[in-house]
């Protein structure tokens, strides 16, 4: 009896969309910061909520403080305080 070789698993890659990825990160960060504040928020938690690798957060936003600032700017823009 001949055995078949094991099948290779196929991993589907998502198309890269930096705009959507940044939006996912911002939404997850807003939720995290609203829940536990700047001091309690963790990049690992934000990455998990956004469904991204935490390295992408640092790639797009450099630091947790810069991400927090981006979240605030996004909120201010939505409210109409900043244009």
PDB file of N, CA and C in Angstrom:
ATOM      1  N   UNK A   1       0.841  -1.182   0.000  1.00  0.00           N
ATOM      2  CA  UNK A   1       0.000   0.000   0.000  1.00  0.00           C
ATOM      3  C   UNK A   1       0.890   1.251   0.000  1.00  0.00           C
ATOM      4  N   UNK A   2       0.641   2.109  -0.942  1.00  0.00           N
ATOM      5  CA  UNK A   2       1.455   3.307  -1.083  1.00  0.00           C
ATOM      6  C   UNK A   2       0.783   4.473  -0.350  1.00  0.00           C
ATOM      7  N   UNK A   3       1.588   5.218   0.414  1.00  0.00           N
ATOM      8  CA  UNK A   3       1.052   6.363   1.150  1.00  0.00           C
ATOM      9  C   UNK A   3       1.279   7.633   0.355  1.00  0.00           C
ATOM     10  N   UNK A   4       0.293   8.490   0.438  1.00  0.00           N
ATOM     11  CA  UNK A   4       0.427   9.791  -0.209  1.00  0.00           C
ATOM     12  C   UNK A   4       1.241  10.718   0.677  1.00  0.00           C
ATOM     13  N   UNK A   5       2.044  11.585   0.076  1.00  0.00           N
ATOM     14  CA  UNK A   5       2.798  12.549   0.892  1.00  0.00           C
ATOM     15  C   UNK A   5       1.836  13.517   1.570  1.00  0.00           C
ATOM     16  N   UNK A   6       2.208  14.016   2.731  1.00  0.00           N
ATOM     17  CA  UNK A   6       1.317  14.968   3.420  1.00  0.00           C
ATOM     18  C   UNK A   6       1.114  16.224   2.580  1.00  0.00           C
ATOM     19  N   UNK A   7      -0.100  16.718   2.623  1.00  0.00           N
ATOM     20  CA  UNK A   7      -0.421  17.933   1.870  1.00  0.00           C
ATOM     21  C   UNK A   7       0.139  19.144   2.594  1.00  0.00           C
ATOM     22  N   UNK A   8       0.620  20.077   1.810  1.00  0.00           N
ATOM     23  CA  UNK A   8       1.106  21.331   2.382  1.00  0.00           C
ATOM     24  C   UNK A   8      -0.098  22.209   2.699  1.00  0.00           C
ATOM     25  N   UNK A   9      -0.044  22.845   3.845  1.00  0.00           N
ATOM     26  CA  UNK A   9      -1.141  23.744   4.182  1.00  0.00           C
ATOM     27  C   UNK A   9      -0.996  25.022   3.361  1.00  0.00           C
ATOM     28  N   UNK A  10      -2.105  25.498   2.934  1.00  0.00           N
ATOM     29  CA  UNK A  10      -2.129  26.707   2.121  1.00  0.00           C
ATOM     30  C   UNK A  10      -2.583  27.854   3.009  1.00  0.00           C
ATOM     31  N   UNK A  11      -1.750  28.870   3.100  1.00  0.00           N
ATOM     32  CA  UNK A  11      -2.079  30.051   3.882  1.00  0.00           C
ATOM     33  C   UNK A  11      -2.458  31.157   2.910  1.00  0.00           C
ATOM     34  N   UNK A  12      -3.677  31.621   3.058  1.00  0.00           N
ATOM     35  CA  UNK A  12      -4.118  32.717   2.202  1.00  0.00           C
ATOM     36  C   UNK A  12      -3.577  34.025   2.759  1.00  0.00           C
ATOM     37  N   UNK A  13      -2.927  34.764   1.908  1.00  0.00           N
ATOM     38  CA  UNK A  13      -2.412  36.072   2.313  1.00  0.00           C
ATOM     39  C   UNK A  13      -3.466  37.122   2.021  1.00  0.00           C
ATOM     40  N   UNK A  14      -3.632  38.016   2.998  1.00  0.00           N
ATOM     41  CA  UNK A  14      -4.535  39.130   2.764  1.00  0.00           C
ATOM     42  C   UNK A  14      -3.821  40.143   1.887  1.00  0.00           C
ATOM     43  N   UNK A  15      -4.545  40.771   0.995  1.00  0.00           N
ATOM     44  CA  UNK A  15      -3.906  41.840   0.221  1.00  0.00           C
ATOM     45  C   UNK A  15      -3.524  42.977   1.154  1.00  0.00           C
ATOM     46  N   UNK A  16      -2.410  43.577   0.880  1.00  0.00           N
ATOM     47  CA  UNK A  16      -1.936  44.672   1.731  1.00  0.00           C
ATOM     48  C   UNK A  16      -2.717  45.936   1.438  1.00  0.00           C
ATOM     49  N   UNK A  17      -3.234  46.520   2.484  1.00  0.00           N
ATOM     50  CA  UNK A  17      -4.001  47.752   2.370  1.00  0.00           C
ATOM     51  C   UNK A  17      -3.641  48.628   3.552  1.00  0.00           C
ATOM     52  N   UNK A  18      -2.621  49.478   3.397  1.00  0.00           N
ATOM     53  CA  UNK A  18      -2.167  50.282   4.528  1.00  0.00           C
ATOM     54  C   UNK A  18      -3.237  51.205   5.107  1.00  0.00           C
ATOM     55  N   UNK A  19      -4.115  51.720   4.276  1.00  0.00           N
ATOM     56  CA  UNK A  19      -5.164  52.620   4.770  1.00  0.00           C
ATOM     57  C   UNK A  19      -6.119  51.855   5.686  1.00  0.00           C
ATOM     58  N   UNK A  20      -6.537  50.679   5.239  1.00  0.00           N
ATOM     59  CA  UNK A  20      -7.447  49.872   6.058  1.00  0.00           C
ATOM     60  C   UNK A  20      -6.736  49.383   7.322  1.00  0.00           C
ATOM     61  N   UNK A  21      -5.478  49.007   7.195  1.00  0.00           N
ATOM     62  CA  UNK A  21      -4.724  48.529   8.357  1.00  0.00           C
ATOM     63  C   UNK A  21      -4.598  49.628   9.404  1.00  0.00           C
ATOM     64  N   UNK A  22      -4.276  50.832   8.976  1.00  0.00           N
ATOM     65  CA  UNK A  22      -4.191  51.953   9.915  1.00  0.00           C
ATOM     66  C   UNK A  22      -5.536  52.212  10.582  1.00  0.00           C
ATOM     67  N   UNK A  23      -6.617  52.106   9.814  1.00  0.00           N
ATOM     68  CA  UNK A  23      -7.956  52.315  10.370  1.00  0.00           C
ATOM     69  C   UNK A  23      -8.281  51.249  11.405  1.00  0.00           C
ATOM     70  N   UNK A  24      -7.919  49.998  11.133  1.00  0.00           N
ATOM     71  CA  UNK A  24      -8.142  48.918  12.099  1.00  0.00           C
ATOM     72  C   UNK A  24      -7.345  49.159  13.380  1.00  0.00           C
ATOM     73  N   UNK A  25      -6.110  49.591  13.225  1.00  0.00           N
ATOM     74  CA  UNK A  25      -5.259  49.863  14.391  1.00  0.00           C
ATOM     75  C   UNK A  25      -5.830  51.017  15.198  1.00  0.00           C
ATOM     76  N   UNK A  26      -6.234  52.090  14.523  1.00  0.00           N
ATOM     77  CA  UNK A  26      -6.806  53.244  15.234  1.00  0.00           C
ATOM     78  C   UNK A  26      -8.079  52.864  15.991  1.00  0.00           C
ATOM     79  N   UNK A  27      -8.939  52.079  15.374  1.00  0.00           N
ATOM     80  CA  UNK A  27     -10.185  51.666  16.028  1.00  0.00           C
ATOM     81  C   UNK A  27      -9.887  50.797  17.250  1.00  0.00           C
ATOM     82  N   UNK A  28      -8.959  49.869  17.102  1.00  0.00           N
ATOM     83  CA  UNK A  28      -8.591  49.006  18.226  1.00  0.00           C
ATOM     84  C   UNK A  28      -7.929  49.814  19.334  1.00  0.00           C
ATOM     85  N   UNK A  29      -7.079  50.752  18.956  1.00  0.00           N
ATOM     86  CA  UNK A  29      -6.398  51.591  19.945  1.00  0.00           C
ATOM     87  C   UNK A  29      -7.394  52.477  20.685  1.00  0.00           C
ATOM     88  N   UNK A  30      -8.358  53.024  19.962  1.00  0.00           N
ATOM     89  CA  UNK A  30      -9.372  53.865  20.598  1.00  0.00           C
ATOM     90  C   UNK A  30     -10.137  53.059  21.651  1.00  0.00           C
ATOM     91  N   UNK A  31     -10.492  51.846  21.304  1.00  0.00           N
ATOM     92  CA  UNK A  31     -11.197  50.971  22.236  1.00  0.00           C
ATOM     93  C   UNK A  31     -10.330  50.657  23.459  1.00  0.00           C
ATOM     94  N   UNK A  32      -9.077  50.331  23.203  1.00  0.00           N
ATOM     95  CA  UNK A  32      -8.150  49.987  24.289  1.00  0.00           C
ATOM     96  C   UNK A  32      -7.894  51.191  25.202  1.00  0.00           C
ATOM     97  N   UNK A  33      -7.604  52.346  24.624  1.00  0.00           N
ATOM     98  CA  UNK A  33      -7.339  53.542  25.423  1.00  0.00           C
ATOM     99  C   UNK A  33      -8.577  53.970  26.208  1.00  0.00           C
ATOM    100  N   UNK A  34      -9.753  53.847  25.599  1.00  0.00           N
ATOM    101  CA  UNK A  34     -10.987  54.201  26.294  1.00  0.00           C
ATOM    102  C   UNK A  34     -11.246  53.274  27.467  1.00  0.00           C
ATOM    103  N   UNK A  35     -10.856  52.023  27.326  1.00  0.00           N
ATOM    104  CA  UNK A  35     -11.111  51.044  28.381  1.00  0.00           C
ATOM    105  C   UNK A  35     -10.144  51.118  29.548  1.00  0.00           C
ATOM    106  N   UNK A  36      -8.851  51.287  29.244  1.00  0.00           N
ATOM    107  CA  UNK A  36      -7.851  51.195  30.313  1.00  0.00           C
ATOM    108  C   UNK A  36      -6.912  52.394  30.391  1.00  0.00           C
ATOM    109  N   UNK A  37      -7.093  53.363  29.503  1.00  0.00           N
ATOM    110  CA  UNK A  37      -6.252  54.549  29.539  1.00  0.00           C
ATOM    111  C   UNK A  37      -4.911  54.331  28.877  1.00  0.00           C
ATOM    112  N   UNK A  38      -4.156  55.406  28.765  1.00  0.00           N
ATOM    113  CA  UNK A  38      -2.844  55.353  28.126  1.00  0.00           C
ATOM    114  C   UNK A  38      -1.890  54.446  28.898  1.00  0.00           C
ATOM    115  N   UNK A  39      -1.872  54.571  30.200  1.00  0.00           N
ATOM    116  CA  UNK A  39      -0.958  53.771  31.016  1.00  0.00           C
ATOM    117  C   UNK A  39      -1.283  52.294  31.032  1.00  0.00           C
ATOM    118  N   UNK A  40      -2.545  51.955  30.938  1.00  0.00           N
ATOM    119  CA  UNK A  40      -2.944  50.553  31.004  1.00  0.00           C
ATOM    120  C   UNK A  40      -2.978  49.850  29.657  1.00  0.00           C
ATOM    121  N   UNK A  41      -3.007  50.627  28.591  1.00  0.00           N
ATOM    122  CA  UNK A  41      -3.084  50.041  27.245  1.00  0.00           C
ATOM    123  C   UNK A  41      -1.781  49.333  26.902  1.00  0.00           C
ATOM    124  N   UNK A  42      -1.905  48.220  26.207  1.00  0.00           N
ATOM    125  CA  UNK A  42      -0.747  47.447  25.782  1.00  0.00           C
ATOM    126  C   UNK A  42      -0.785  47.272  24.269  1.00  0.00           C
ATOM    127  N   UNK A  43       0.358  47.433  23.650  1.00  0.00           N
ATOM    128  CA  UNK A  43       0.468  47.270  22.201  1.00  0.00           C
ATOM    129  C   UNK A  43       0.031  45.861  21.790  1.00  0.00           C
ATOM    130  N   UNK A  44       0.380  44.865  22.593  1.00  0.00           N
ATOM    131  CA  UNK A  44      -0.033  43.492  22.281  1.00  0.00           C
ATOM    132  C   UNK A  44      -1.554  43.383  22.206  1.00  0.00           C
ATOM    133  N   UNK A  45      -2.246  44.031  23.142  1.00  0.00           N
ATOM    134  CA  UNK A  45      -3.708  44.004  23.149  1.00  0.00           C
ATOM    135  C   UNK A  45      -4.303  44.719  21.953  1.00  0.00           C
ATOM    136  N   UNK A  46      -3.718  45.844  21.601  1.00  0.00           N
ATOM    137  CA  UNK A  46      -4.194  46.608  20.443  1.00  0.00           C
ATOM    138  C   UNK A  46      -3.984  45.795  19.165  1.00  0.00           C
ATOM    139  N   UNK A  47      -2.824  45.173  19.041  1.00  0.00           N
ATOM    140  CA  UNK A  47      -2.528  44.355  17.861  1.00  0.00           C
ATOM    141  C   UNK A  47      -3.506  43.190  17.749  1.00  0.00           C
ATOM    142  N   UNK A  48      -3.803  42.550  18.877  1.00  0.00           N
ATOM    143  CA  UNK A  48      -4.734  41.420  18.865  1.00  0.00           C
ATOM    144  C   UNK A  48      -6.133  41.879  18.443  1.00  0.00           C
ATOM    145  N   UNK A  49      -6.595  43.016  18.982  1.00  0.00           N
ATOM    146  CA  UNK A  49      -7.919  43.527  18.625  1.00  0.00           C
ATOM    147  C   UNK A  49      -7.995  43.923  17.159  1.00  0.00           C
ATOM    148  N   UNK A  50      -6.891  44.466  16.634  1.00  0.00           N
ATOM    149  CA  UNK A  50      -6.872  44.911  15.243  1.00  0.00           C
ATOM    150  C   UNK A  50      -6.621  43.755  14.274  1.00  0.00           C
ATOM    151  N   UNK A  51      -6.124  42.642  14.800  1.00  0.00           N
ATOM    152  CA  UNK A  51      -5.818  41.503  13.944  1.00  0.00           C
ATOM    153  C   UNK A  51      -4.571  41.712  13.106  1.00  0.00           C
ATOM    154  N   UNK A  52      -3.609  42.460  13.682  1.00  0.00           N
ATOM    155  CA  UNK A  52      -2.357  42.736  12.967  1.00  0.00           C
ATOM    156  C   UNK A  52      -1.174  42.346  13.838  1.00  0.00           C
ATOM    157  N   UNK A  53      -0.027  42.299  13.229  1.00  0.00           N
ATOM    158  CA  UNK A  53       1.211  42.063  13.946  1.00  0.00           C
ATOM    159  C   UNK A  53       1.604  43.366  14.637  1.00  0.00           C
ATOM    160  N   UNK A  54       2.079  43.278  15.874  1.00  0.00           N
ATOM    161  CA  UNK A  54       2.390  44.513  16.606  1.00  0.00           C
ATOM    162  C   UNK A  54       3.501  45.318  15.953  1.00  0.00           C
ATOM    163  N   UNK A  55       4.329  44.681  15.141  1.00  0.00           N
ATOM    164  CA  UNK A  55       5.371  45.432  14.437  1.00  0.00           C
ATOM    165  C   UNK A  55       4.768  46.462  13.491  1.00  0.00           C
ATOM    166  N   UNK A  56       3.577  46.157  12.943  1.00  0.00           N
ATOM    167  CA  UNK A  56       2.919  47.124  12.062  1.00  0.00           C
ATOM    168  C   UNK A  56       2.536  48.389  12.817  1.00  0.00           C
ATOM    169  N   UNK A  57       2.162  48.244  14.065  1.00  0.00           N
ATOM    170  CA  UNK A  57       1.806  49.418  14.864  1.00  0.00           C
ATOM    171  C   UNK A  57       3.010  50.339  14.980  1.00  0.00           C
ATOM    172  N   UNK A  58       4.162  49.752  15.279  1.00  0.00           N
ATOM    173  CA  UNK A  58       5.379  50.563  15.380  1.00  0.00           C
ATOM    174  C   UNK A  58       5.805  51.108  14.020  1.00  0.00           C
ATOM    175  N   UNK A  59       5.545  50.356  12.956  1.00  0.00           N
ATOM    176  CA  UNK A  59       5.881  50.812  11.609  1.00  0.00           C
ATOM    177  C   UNK A  59       5.067  52.058  11.248  1.00  0.00           C
ATOM    178  N   UNK A  60       3.767  52.026  11.556  1.00  0.00           N
ATOM    179  CA  UNK A  60       2.890  53.132  11.187  1.00  0.00           C
ATOM    180  C   UNK A  60       2.896  54.284  12.193  1.00  0.00           C
ATOM    181  N   UNK A  61       3.070  53.990  13.479  1.00  0.00           N
ATOM    182  CA  UNK A  61       2.883  55.015  14.498  1.00  0.00           C
ATOM    183  C   UNK A  61       4.095  55.259  15.392  1.00  0.00           C
ATOM    184  N   UNK A  62       5.153  54.501  15.259  1.00  0.00           N
ATOM    185  CA  UNK A  62       6.426  54.669  15.982  1.00  0.00           C
ATOM    186  C   UNK A  62       6.395  54.293  17.453  1.00  0.00           C
ATOM    187  N   UNK A  63       5.373  54.695  18.196  1.00  0.00           N
ATOM    188  CA  UNK A  63       5.332  54.420  19.634  1.00  0.00           C
ATOM    189  C   UNK A  63       3.887  54.443  20.117  1.00  0.00           C
ATOM    190  N   UNK A  64       3.693  53.977  21.340  1.00  0.00           N
ATOM    191  CA  UNK A  64       2.352  53.999  21.927  1.00  0.00           C
ATOM    192  C   UNK A  64       1.890  55.442  22.122  1.00  0.00           C
ATOM    193  N   UNK A  65       2.791  56.321  22.518  1.00  0.00           N
ATOM    194  CA  UNK A  65       2.426  57.732  22.692  1.00  0.00           C
ATOM    195  C   UNK A  65       1.997  58.368  21.372  1.00  0.00           C
ATOM    196  N   UNK A  66       2.723  58.061  20.297  1.00  0.00           N
ATOM    197  CA  UNK A  66       2.342  58.600  18.984  1.00  0.00           C
ATOM    198  C   UNK A  66       1.009  58.022  18.515  1.00  0.00           C
ATOM    199  N   UNK A  67       0.760  56.758  18.823  1.00  0.00           N
ATOM    200  CA  UNK A  67      -0.529  56.141  18.495  1.00  0.00           C
ATOM    201  C   UNK A  67      -1.647  56.826  19.270  1.00  0.00           C
ATOM    202  N   UNK A  68      -1.425  57.097  20.542  1.00  0.00           N
ATOM    203  CA  UNK A  68      -2.419  57.792  21.364  1.00  0.00           C
ATOM    204  C   UNK A  68      -2.713  59.170  20.769  1.00  0.00           C
ATOM    205  N   UNK A  69      -1.677  59.873  20.342  1.00  0.00           N
ATOM    206  CA  UNK A  69      -1.865  61.184  19.728  1.00  0.00           C
ATOM    207  C   UNK A  69      -2.676  61.066  18.435  1.00  0.00           C
ATOM    208  N   UNK A  70      -2.400  60.046  17.644  1.00  0.00           N
ATOM    209  CA  UNK A  70      -3.153  59.833  16.404  1.00  0.00           C
ATOM    210  C   UNK A  70      -4.628  59.545  16.692  1.00  0.00           C
ATOM    211  N   UNK A  71      -4.892  58.791  17.753  1.00  0.00           N
ATOM    212  CA  UNK A  71      -6.275  58.515  18.154  1.00  0.00           C
ATOM    213  C   UNK A  71      -6.971  59.817  18.544  1.00  0.00           C
ATOM    214  N   UNK A  72      -6.296  60.638  19.342  1.00  0.00           N
ATOM    215  CA  UNK A  72      -6.889  61.919  19.736  1.00  0.00           C
ATOM    216  C   UNK A  72      -7.153  62.806  18.528  1.00  0.00           C
ATOM    217  N   UNK A  73      -6.195  62.874  17.606  1.00  0.00           N
ATOM    218  CA  UNK A  73      -6.381  63.686  16.405  1.00  0.00           C
ATOM    219  C   UNK A  73      -7.553  63.177  15.573  1.00  0.00           C
ATOM    220  N   UNK A  74      -7.697  61.848  15.498  1.00  0.00           N
ATOM    221  CA  UNK A  74      -8.811  61.258  14.756  1.00  0.00           C
ATOM    222  C   UNK A  74     -10.143  61.634  15.402  1.00  0.00           C
ATOM    223  N   UNK A  75     -10.197  61.586  16.720  1.00  0.00           N
ATOM    224  CA  UNK A  75     -11.420  61.957  17.437  1.00  0.00           C
ATOM    225  C   UNK A  75     -11.733  63.434  17.225  1.00  0.00           C
ATOM    226  N   UNK A  76     -10.720  64.283  17.359  1.00  0.00           N
ATOM    227  CA  UNK A  76     -10.932  65.717  17.170  1.00  0.00           C
ATOM    228  C   UNK A  76     -11.391  66.037  15.758  1.00  0.00           C
ATOM    229  N   UNK A  77     -10.870  65.324  14.786  1.00  0.00           N
ATOM    230  CA  UNK A  77     -11.278  65.534  13.398  1.00  0.00           C
ATOM    231  C   UNK A  77     -12.746  65.125  13.214  1.00  0.00           C
ATOM    232  N   UNK A  78     -13.132  63.985  13.815  1.00  0.00           N
ATOM    233  CA  UNK A  78     -14.518  63.528  13.703  1.00  0.00           C
ATOM    234  C   UNK A  78     -15.500  64.508  14.348  1.00  0.00           C
ATOM    235  N   UNK A  79     -15.091  65.100  15.450  1.00  0.00           N
ATOM    236  CA  UNK A  79     -15.951  66.028  16.173  1.00  0.00           C
ATOM    237  C   UNK A  79     -15.994  67.384  15.480  1.00  0.00           C
ATOM    238  N   UNK A  80     -14.971  67.700  14.702  1.00  0.00           N
ATOM    239  CA  UNK A  80     -14.930  68.975  13.992  1.00  0.00           C
ATOM    240  C   UNK A  80     -14.090  70.008  14.688  1.00  0.00           C
ATOM    241  N   UNK A  81     -13.317  69.616  15.689  1.00  0.00           N
ATOM    242  CA  UNK A  81     -12.446  70.559  16.390  1.00  0.00           C
ATOM    243  C   UNK A  81     -11.248  70.915  15.529  1.00  0.00           C
ATOM    244  N   UNK A  82     -10.730  69.927  14.795  1.00  0.00           N
ATOM    245  CA  UNK A  82      -9.556  70.109  13.944  1.00  0.00           C
ATOM    246  C   UNK A  82      -9.937  69.756  12.518  1.00  0.00           C
ATOM    247  N   UNK A  83      -9.476  70.530  11.588  1.00  0.00           N
ATOM    248  CA  UNK A  83      -9.753  70.233  10.171  1.00  0.00           C
ATOM    249  C   UNK A  83      -8.512  69.882   9.450  1.00  0.00           C
TER     250      UNK A  83
END
